[in-house]
Protein backbone atom coordinates (compact mmCIF):
# COMPACT_ATOMS: atom_id res chain seq x y z
CA MET A 1 19.39 71.14 -83.34
CA SER A 2 16.89 73.79 -84.40
CA GLY A 3 16.62 77.26 -82.85
CA SER A 4 18.86 80.23 -82.27
CA PRO A 5 22.60 80.04 -81.60
CA ALA A 6 21.86 81.21 -78.07
CA ALA A 7 19.43 78.34 -77.55
CA ALA A 8 21.95 75.88 -78.94
CA ALA A 9 24.66 77.19 -76.63
CA ALA A 10 22.29 76.96 -73.66
CA ALA A 11 21.53 73.33 -74.50
CA VAL A 12 25.23 72.50 -74.67
CA GLY A 13 25.72 74.28 -71.39
CA ALA A 14 22.92 72.32 -69.72
CA THR A 15 24.57 68.98 -70.45
CA LEU A 16 27.99 70.21 -69.38
CA ARG A 17 26.70 71.80 -66.17
CA LEU A 18 24.80 68.67 -65.19
CA THR A 19 27.84 66.49 -65.92
CA GLU A 20 30.00 68.72 -63.73
CA ALA A 21 27.44 68.69 -60.93
CA LEU A 22 27.22 64.89 -61.01
CA ILE A 23 31.03 64.53 -60.95
CA ALA A 24 31.10 66.73 -57.84
CA CYS A 25 28.95 64.14 -56.03
CA ARG A 26 31.20 61.64 -54.21
CA SER A 27 29.04 58.70 -55.28
CA VAL A 28 31.41 55.78 -54.74
CA THR A 29 29.26 52.68 -55.11
CA PRO A 30 26.61 52.28 -53.75
CA ALA A 31 26.37 55.88 -52.52
CA ASP A 32 24.06 58.26 -54.37
CA ALA A 33 25.61 61.34 -52.72
CA GLY A 34 23.00 63.71 -54.13
CA CYS A 35 23.03 62.57 -57.77
CA ARG A 36 19.35 61.66 -57.90
CA ALA A 37 18.29 65.06 -56.56
CA LEU A 38 20.20 66.70 -59.41
CA LEU A 39 18.31 64.58 -61.95
CA LEU A 40 14.89 65.01 -60.36
CA ARG A 41 14.86 68.78 -60.83
CA PRO A 42 14.88 68.87 -64.64
CA LEU A 43 12.86 65.67 -65.02
CA GLN A 44 10.04 66.77 -62.74
CA ALA A 45 10.03 70.22 -64.34
CA ALA A 46 9.60 68.51 -67.72
CA GLY A 47 6.59 66.54 -66.47
CA PHE A 48 8.16 63.15 -65.80
CA ALA A 49 6.49 60.97 -63.18
CA CYS A 50 9.40 60.01 -60.91
CA GLU A 51 9.56 57.08 -58.51
CA ALA A 52 12.24 56.28 -55.95
CA LEU A 53 12.57 52.49 -55.96
CA ASP A 54 15.31 52.17 -53.35
CA ALA A 55 16.50 48.84 -51.99
CA GLY A 56 19.26 47.21 -49.99
CA PRO A 57 20.35 47.24 -46.34
CA PRO A 58 20.39 50.53 -44.41
CA GLU A 59 24.18 50.66 -44.34
CA ALA A 60 24.38 50.29 -48.13
CA ARG A 61 21.08 51.68 -49.38
CA VAL A 62 20.81 51.87 -53.16
CA ALA A 63 19.09 54.83 -54.82
CA ASN A 64 17.04 53.84 -57.87
CA LEU A 65 15.09 56.25 -60.06
CA TRP A 66 12.33 55.28 -62.49
CA ALA A 67 11.07 58.33 -64.41
CA VAL A 68 8.41 58.13 -67.12
CA HIS A 69 6.78 60.61 -69.48
CA ASP A 70 3.54 59.36 -71.03
CA ALA A 71 1.52 61.73 -73.22
CA GLY A 72 -1.30 59.21 -73.51
CA VAL A 73 -0.67 58.53 -77.19
CA PRO A 74 -0.27 54.83 -78.05
CA GLY A 75 3.23 53.76 -79.00
CA PRO A 76 6.34 51.92 -77.82
CA THR A 77 8.31 52.55 -74.64
CA LEU A 78 11.95 53.65 -74.90
CA VAL A 79 14.13 53.56 -71.79
CA PHE A 80 17.43 55.33 -71.19
CA ALA A 81 19.39 53.48 -68.50
CA GLY A 82 22.46 54.50 -66.56
CA HIS A 83 24.25 54.54 -63.24
CA THR A 84 25.54 57.35 -61.07
CA ASP A 85 27.78 55.27 -58.81
CA VAL A 86 31.50 55.19 -59.53
CA VAL A 87 34.42 52.95 -58.65
CA PRO A 88 36.85 54.01 -55.89
CA THR A 89 39.40 56.61 -56.89
CA GLY A 90 42.55 54.75 -55.98
CA PRO A 91 45.45 56.75 -54.48
CA LEU A 92 44.33 60.38 -54.34
CA GLU A 93 47.93 61.60 -54.47
CA ARG A 94 48.28 60.09 -57.93
CA TRP A 95 45.44 62.16 -59.38
CA ALA A 96 46.48 65.43 -60.97
CA THR A 97 43.46 67.11 -59.34
CA ASP A 98 40.75 66.16 -56.86
CA PRO A 99 38.68 63.43 -58.59
CA PHE A 100 35.46 64.98 -57.28
CA VAL A 101 36.24 68.51 -58.40
CA PRO A 102 35.32 68.71 -62.11
CA THR A 103 38.35 70.17 -63.85
CA HIS A 104 38.84 71.39 -67.42
CA ARG A 105 42.17 71.06 -69.20
CA SER A 106 43.14 72.01 -72.72
CA GLY A 107 46.25 72.17 -74.84
CA ALA A 108 48.22 70.34 -77.48
CA ALA A 109 48.00 67.09 -75.53
CA TYR A 110 44.25 66.98 -76.14
CA PRO A 111 43.65 66.74 -79.90
CA ASN A 112 39.85 66.70 -79.56
CA GLY A 113 39.78 69.92 -77.57
CA PRO A 114 39.28 70.53 -73.85
CA ARG A 115 38.69 67.59 -71.56
CA LEU A 116 36.64 67.41 -68.39
CA PHE A 117 38.37 65.39 -65.67
CA GLY A 118 36.85 63.69 -62.64
CA ARG A 119 35.83 60.26 -61.35
CA GLY A 120 32.83 59.08 -63.34
CA ALA A 121 33.30 61.58 -66.16
CA ALA A 122 33.27 58.79 -68.75
CA ASP A 123 31.70 55.97 -66.72
CA MET A 124 29.07 57.22 -66.84
CA LYS A 125 28.02 60.61 -65.54
CA ALA A 126 28.39 62.34 -68.90
CA ALA A 127 25.94 59.87 -70.43
CA VAL A 128 23.49 60.20 -67.53
CA ALA A 129 23.56 63.97 -67.94
CA ALA A 130 23.19 63.75 -71.72
CA MET A 131 20.24 61.34 -71.60
CA THR A 132 18.51 63.45 -68.94
CA VAL A 133 18.83 66.64 -70.97
CA ALA A 134 17.91 64.77 -74.16
CA ALA A 135 14.76 63.34 -72.60
CA CYS A 136 13.68 66.75 -71.32
CA GLU A 137 14.34 68.36 -74.70
CA PHE A 138 12.44 65.59 -76.46
CA VAL A 139 9.36 66.10 -74.28
CA ALA A 140 9.50 69.88 -74.70
CA ALA A 141 9.70 69.55 -78.49
CA HIS A 142 7.10 66.75 -78.71
CA PRO A 143 4.65 67.18 -75.82
CA GLN A 144 2.16 64.82 -77.49
CA HIS A 145 4.74 62.24 -78.48
CA PRO A 146 3.67 58.67 -79.16
CA GLY A 147 4.50 56.04 -76.55
CA ARG A 148 6.57 56.60 -73.44
CA VAL A 149 10.10 57.78 -72.77
CA ALA A 150 11.64 56.66 -69.48
CA LEU A 151 14.86 56.77 -67.48
CA LEU A 152 16.16 54.04 -65.18
CA ILE A 153 19.05 55.32 -63.06
CA THR A 154 20.74 53.39 -60.24
CA SER A 155 23.60 53.78 -57.76
CA ASP A 156 24.43 50.05 -57.76
CA GLU A 157 26.14 49.08 -61.00
CA GLU A 158 29.82 49.18 -60.12
CA GLY A 159 29.32 47.06 -57.00
CA PRO A 160 27.40 43.83 -56.39
CA ALA A 161 24.54 45.01 -58.64
CA LEU A 162 21.98 43.23 -56.46
CA HIS A 163 19.73 46.11 -55.44
CA GLY A 164 19.95 48.38 -58.46
CA THR A 165 18.74 47.70 -61.99
CA ARG A 166 18.17 44.04 -61.15
CA HIS A 167 15.74 45.10 -58.39
CA VAL A 168 13.94 47.65 -60.58
CA VAL A 169 13.54 45.11 -63.39
CA GLU A 170 11.94 42.66 -60.96
CA LEU A 171 9.48 45.35 -59.84
CA LEU A 172 8.64 46.38 -63.39
CA ARG A 173 8.10 42.77 -64.41
CA ALA A 174 5.78 42.21 -61.44
CA ARG A 175 3.81 45.31 -62.50
CA GLY A 176 3.51 44.07 -66.07
CA GLU A 177 5.46 46.99 -67.53
CA ARG A 178 6.07 46.72 -71.26
CA LEU A 179 9.45 47.94 -72.50
CA ASP A 180 10.23 47.94 -76.20
CA GLY A 181 13.71 49.41 -76.44
CA CYS A 182 16.51 50.50 -74.13
CA ILE A 183 19.70 52.51 -74.59
CA VAL A 184 22.29 51.97 -71.84
CA GLY A 185 24.77 54.83 -71.60
CA GLU A 186 27.89 52.70 -71.15
CA PRO A 187 31.09 54.22 -72.61
CA THR A 188 31.30 52.12 -75.77
CA SER A 189 33.26 54.36 -78.12
CA VAL A 190 36.92 53.49 -78.65
CA ARG A 191 38.76 56.19 -80.61
CA ARG A 192 35.96 58.47 -81.71
CA LEU A 193 32.44 59.09 -80.47
CA GLY A 194 30.16 56.78 -82.40
CA ASP A 195 32.71 54.25 -83.64
CA MET A 196 31.29 51.37 -81.55
CA VAL A 197 27.89 50.32 -80.25
CA LYS A 198 27.24 47.28 -78.10
CA ASN A 199 24.32 45.25 -79.42
CA GLY A 200 24.76 42.49 -76.85
CA ARG A 201 26.99 41.12 -74.12
CA ARG A 202 28.35 37.72 -73.20
CA GLY A 203 27.00 35.88 -70.20
CA THR A 204 29.11 35.39 -67.10
CA LEU A 205 29.19 32.24 -64.96
CA SER A 206 31.63 31.85 -62.07
CA GLY A 207 32.58 28.81 -60.04
CA ARG A 208 34.44 28.23 -56.78
CA LEU A 209 35.94 24.75 -56.74
CA VAL A 210 37.22 23.19 -53.53
CA VAL A 211 39.37 20.09 -54.03
CA HIS A 212 39.56 17.87 -50.95
CA GLY A 213 42.92 16.22 -50.32
CA VAL A 214 44.71 14.86 -47.27
CA GLN A 215 47.32 17.02 -45.54
CA GLY A 216 50.63 15.38 -44.71
CA HIS A 217 54.41 15.57 -44.54
CA ILE A 218 55.91 16.27 -47.93
CA ALA A 219 58.48 13.47 -47.40
CA TYR A 220 55.68 10.91 -47.07
CA PRO A 221 53.39 11.52 -50.05
CA GLN A 222 52.03 7.99 -49.78
CA LEU A 223 50.35 9.05 -46.53
CA ALA A 224 48.70 12.15 -48.01
CA ALA A 225 46.68 13.21 -51.05
CA ASN A 226 47.88 16.39 -52.74
CA PRO A 227 44.85 18.32 -54.08
CA LEU A 228 47.05 20.15 -56.60
CA HIS A 229 48.10 16.86 -58.13
CA LEU A 230 44.55 15.52 -57.98
CA LEU A 231 43.25 18.51 -59.92
CA ALA A 232 46.05 18.99 -62.45
CA PRO A 233 44.84 16.57 -65.19
CA ALA A 234 41.26 17.82 -64.95
CA LEU A 235 42.36 21.46 -64.99
CA ALA A 236 44.46 20.84 -68.09
CA GLU A 237 41.39 19.40 -69.81
CA LEU A 238 39.19 22.31 -68.74
CA VAL A 239 41.71 24.85 -70.00
CA GLY A 240 42.08 23.03 -73.30
CA THR A 241 38.39 22.46 -73.97
CA GLU A 242 36.65 24.17 -76.88
CA TRP A 243 33.37 25.08 -75.20
CA ASP A 244 31.81 26.40 -78.37
CA ARG A 245 32.88 28.16 -81.54
CA GLY A 246 30.90 31.34 -81.01
CA ASN A 247 28.86 32.74 -83.86
CA VAL A 248 28.62 35.77 -86.09
CA TYR A 249 27.81 37.96 -83.06
CA PHE A 250 29.89 36.39 -80.27
CA PRO A 251 33.45 35.08 -79.90
CA PRO A 252 33.88 31.53 -78.57
CA THR A 253 33.10 30.96 -74.91
CA SER A 254 36.13 31.57 -72.67
CA PHE A 255 37.18 29.64 -69.54
CA GLN A 256 39.64 31.47 -67.28
CA VAL A 257 41.09 30.73 -63.84
CA SER A 258 41.07 33.87 -61.69
CA ASN A 259 42.36 32.69 -58.30
CA ILE A 260 44.00 29.58 -56.86
CA HIS A 261 45.07 28.91 -53.29
CA ALA A 262 46.44 25.92 -51.42
CA GLY A 263 48.94 25.18 -48.70
CA THR A 264 49.96 26.41 -45.28
CA GLY A 265 52.92 28.47 -46.43
CA ALA A 266 55.40 25.84 -45.27
CA PHE A 267 57.71 24.04 -47.71
CA ASN A 268 57.33 20.66 -46.06
CA VAL A 269 53.54 20.30 -45.82
CA ILE A 270 51.33 18.78 -48.51
CA PRO A 271 48.16 20.89 -48.54
CA GLY A 272 44.89 19.32 -47.53
CA GLU A 273 42.68 21.55 -49.64
CA LEU A 274 42.77 23.65 -52.79
CA VAL A 275 40.41 26.49 -53.67
CA LEU A 276 40.16 27.55 -57.30
CA ASP A 277 38.00 30.35 -58.73
CA PHE A 278 37.16 30.38 -62.42
CA ASN A 279 34.86 32.19 -64.81
CA PHE A 280 33.12 31.57 -68.09
CA ARG A 281 32.30 34.42 -70.46
CA PHE A 282 29.87 32.59 -72.65
CA SER A 283 28.11 33.14 -75.93
CA THR A 284 24.55 32.34 -76.93
CA GLU A 285 25.90 29.01 -78.21
CA SER A 286 26.24 27.77 -74.60
CA THR A 287 23.94 27.70 -71.59
CA PRO A 288 24.74 27.89 -67.87
CA ALA A 289 23.28 24.44 -67.31
CA GLY A 290 25.31 22.97 -70.14
CA LEU A 291 28.56 24.49 -68.90
CA ARG A 292 27.95 23.29 -65.36
CA GLU A 293 27.25 19.76 -66.57
CA ARG A 294 30.40 19.66 -68.70
CA VAL A 295 32.63 20.89 -65.86
CA GLU A 296 31.18 18.33 -63.47
CA ALA A 297 31.70 15.59 -66.06
CA VAL A 298 35.40 16.46 -66.38
CA LEU A 299 35.90 16.45 -62.62
CA GLN A 300 34.07 13.15 -62.22
CA ARG A 301 35.99 11.54 -65.07
CA HIS A 302 39.29 12.40 -63.40
CA GLY A 303 38.08 11.32 -59.97
CA VAL A 304 38.60 14.71 -58.34
CA PRO A 305 37.10 14.80 -54.81
CA HIS A 306 35.47 18.19 -54.71
CA SER A 307 32.64 20.56 -53.91
CA LEU A 308 31.63 23.29 -56.33
CA ASP A 309 29.52 26.43 -55.93
CA TRP A 310 28.23 28.38 -58.91
CA THR A 311 27.27 32.03 -59.40
CA LEU A 312 25.45 33.15 -62.54
CA GLY A 313 26.29 36.80 -63.09
CA GLY A 314 24.11 37.19 -66.15
CA GLU A 315 22.83 35.52 -69.28
CA PRO A 316 24.09 36.66 -72.67
CA PHE A 317 21.82 38.96 -74.62
CA LEU A 318 21.72 40.04 -78.24
CA THR A 319 19.75 42.68 -80.10
CA PRO A 320 19.53 41.76 -83.78
CA PRO A 321 18.87 44.39 -86.46
CA GLY A 322 15.52 46.06 -85.84
CA THR A 323 13.79 49.32 -85.02
CA LEU A 324 16.12 50.28 -82.17
CA SER A 325 19.36 49.60 -84.02
CA GLU A 326 18.04 51.47 -87.06
CA ALA A 327 17.10 54.49 -84.94
CA LEU A 328 20.36 54.54 -82.98
CA LEU A 329 22.67 54.06 -85.96
CA ALA A 330 20.85 56.75 -87.95
CA ALA A 331 21.13 59.14 -85.01
CA ILE A 332 24.86 58.44 -84.65
CA ALA A 333 25.42 59.04 -88.36
CA ALA A 334 23.61 62.37 -88.14
CA ALA A 335 24.99 63.67 -84.85
CA CYS A 336 28.57 62.35 -84.89
CA ALA A 337 29.56 63.21 -88.46
CA ASP A 338 33.02 64.76 -88.70
CA GLY A 339 32.86 68.32 -89.97
CA GLY A 340 36.08 67.66 -91.83
CA GLY A 341 34.43 65.04 -94.00
CA SER A 342 35.97 61.99 -92.33
CA ALA A 343 33.65 59.01 -92.70
CA LEU A 344 32.32 57.41 -89.53
CA SER A 345 32.04 53.64 -89.46
CA THR A 346 30.08 52.31 -86.49
CA GLU A 347 30.89 48.77 -85.40
CA LEU A 348 28.33 46.58 -83.65
CA SER A 349 30.09 44.57 -80.95
CA THR A 350 29.41 42.21 -78.04
CA THR A 351 32.93 42.43 -76.56
CA GLY A 352 33.82 43.63 -73.09
CA GLY A 353 32.49 42.98 -69.63
CA THR A 354 28.97 42.84 -68.29
CA SER A 355 26.57 45.74 -67.86
CA ASP A 356 23.10 46.33 -66.50
CA GLY A 357 21.85 45.57 -69.98
CA ARG A 358 21.85 41.91 -68.95
CA PHE A 359 19.04 42.61 -66.47
CA ILE A 360 17.01 44.89 -68.70
CA ALA A 361 17.15 42.35 -71.53
CA GLN A 362 15.00 40.05 -69.39
CA ILE A 363 11.98 42.32 -69.95
CA CYS A 364 13.01 44.29 -73.04
CA PRO A 365 13.56 42.70 -76.48
CA GLN A 366 15.90 45.41 -77.80
CA VAL A 367 18.80 46.60 -75.63
CA MET A 368 21.79 48.51 -76.99
CA GLU A 369 24.62 50.43 -75.35
CA PHE A 370 26.16 53.67 -76.51
CA GLY A 371 28.33 56.29 -74.87
CA VAL A 372 31.59 58.20 -74.86
CA ILE A 373 35.18 57.05 -75.38
CA ASN A 374 36.15 54.43 -72.80
CA GLU A 375 39.93 54.94 -72.76
CA SER A 376 40.06 56.35 -69.24
CA ILE A 377 37.33 54.46 -67.40
CA HIS A 378 38.25 53.21 -63.91
CA LYS A 379 41.68 54.84 -64.32
CA LEU A 380 43.35 57.71 -62.53
CA ASP A 381 42.51 61.09 -64.10
CA GLU A 382 39.35 59.84 -65.81
CA TRP A 383 38.11 62.21 -68.50
CA VAL A 384 35.54 62.96 -71.18
CA ASP A 385 35.91 65.18 -74.23
CA VAL A 386 33.81 68.30 -73.70
CA ALA A 387 33.12 68.38 -77.44
CA ALA A 388 31.45 64.96 -77.19
CA LEU A 389 28.67 66.08 -74.84
CA GLU A 390 26.44 67.84 -77.38
CA PRO A 391 26.68 65.07 -80.04
CA LEU A 392 26.01 62.46 -77.35
CA LYS A 393 22.90 64.29 -76.20
CA GLN A 394 21.78 64.67 -79.81
CA VAL A 395 22.20 60.93 -80.43
CA TYR A 396 19.96 60.14 -77.48
CA ARG A 397 17.33 62.71 -78.46
CA GLN A 398 17.28 61.73 -82.13
CA THR A 399 17.09 58.05 -81.21
CA ALA A 400 13.98 58.81 -79.17
CA GLU A 401 12.46 60.78 -82.03
CA ARG A 402 13.11 58.04 -84.55
CA PHE A 403 12.17 55.11 -82.33
CA LEU A 404 8.97 56.69 -81.03
CA GLY A 405 8.00 58.09 -84.42
CA ALA A 406 7.98 61.65 -83.14
CA ALA A 407 10.47 63.27 -85.51
CA ALA A 408 7.70 64.98 -87.45
CA ALA A 409 5.25 65.31 -84.57
């Protein structure tokens, strides 16, 4: 970062202060709890056009922010996307400090220096703060930048994710918005900031299977039809099926049973019904329609009397090498280099759960995810390394400069 040491220290302080302020907001999904107001101040001061695109029922209203800076110079659109909602804290008495009071700790137990503790520190208020400060710095340094830089921030990512990014994407698509690249601030790093970037995610397809049997006395099985027994051969086949072999970017598609329930609780009653929940995490080698057809074929072949409801949580997406990956990886190499000379190897990965990237990929050809170390996410005493905040902000800013061609502007 150019400028005086005082200016550099102020920039570091801006990211840290905004992170702390966001952590102090009790934004358990889908509550915004004041987060958007904190972001609006610097963005509006920097000249961003900000829209509130809220949605959802009154009792669970979702706060969505779409902020754009357009200098009127032709060029691509780069979006920074994130969420301010957090998962519930769990037992408060098991936290070392109040999860909504940002707390610094240091000492020998923290080899990377002081840590900032609080719910959402890693997932993902530090990233939201860093991308906000980075976007404002970028505009200040390049007021006539090519293209557009935008932020899409929601309070509905950790919950049902029905009225957040999904809703905003539908609005943008209806308006004919053109997005060229997107960085989602998910906590992707594993051991060191910059060691992993997500360049895609698997799709998720869930099913709820109801097997219809006939309830009866367990001593008279000939007068009943046990749904557990009816399903067992088909379930064994489903579990043992190779759905695909994956590819260079994705592991093979996975079928997993998540819940199963049958019976009245009595030892002497054959259940009349079985309910089984299952999920596919699928690669680009499979499609939702193909998986549904194959499951139905197995159930029909084994003569399982059933009903089956499906829920598509998201299609897989993949960003192959291109302008966004080049810009992001170059920014990581520059901003996350170890002063001690330790080489940084950044892995491109599609592992892990789903993110809002699955929605953005519907209208944006290049979507990648990058953020802080994910060791503590959703846990008690969630934390982020304070020393990671400035490099993270620099990665976001430099990615914008490289992707929008503004580095020399």
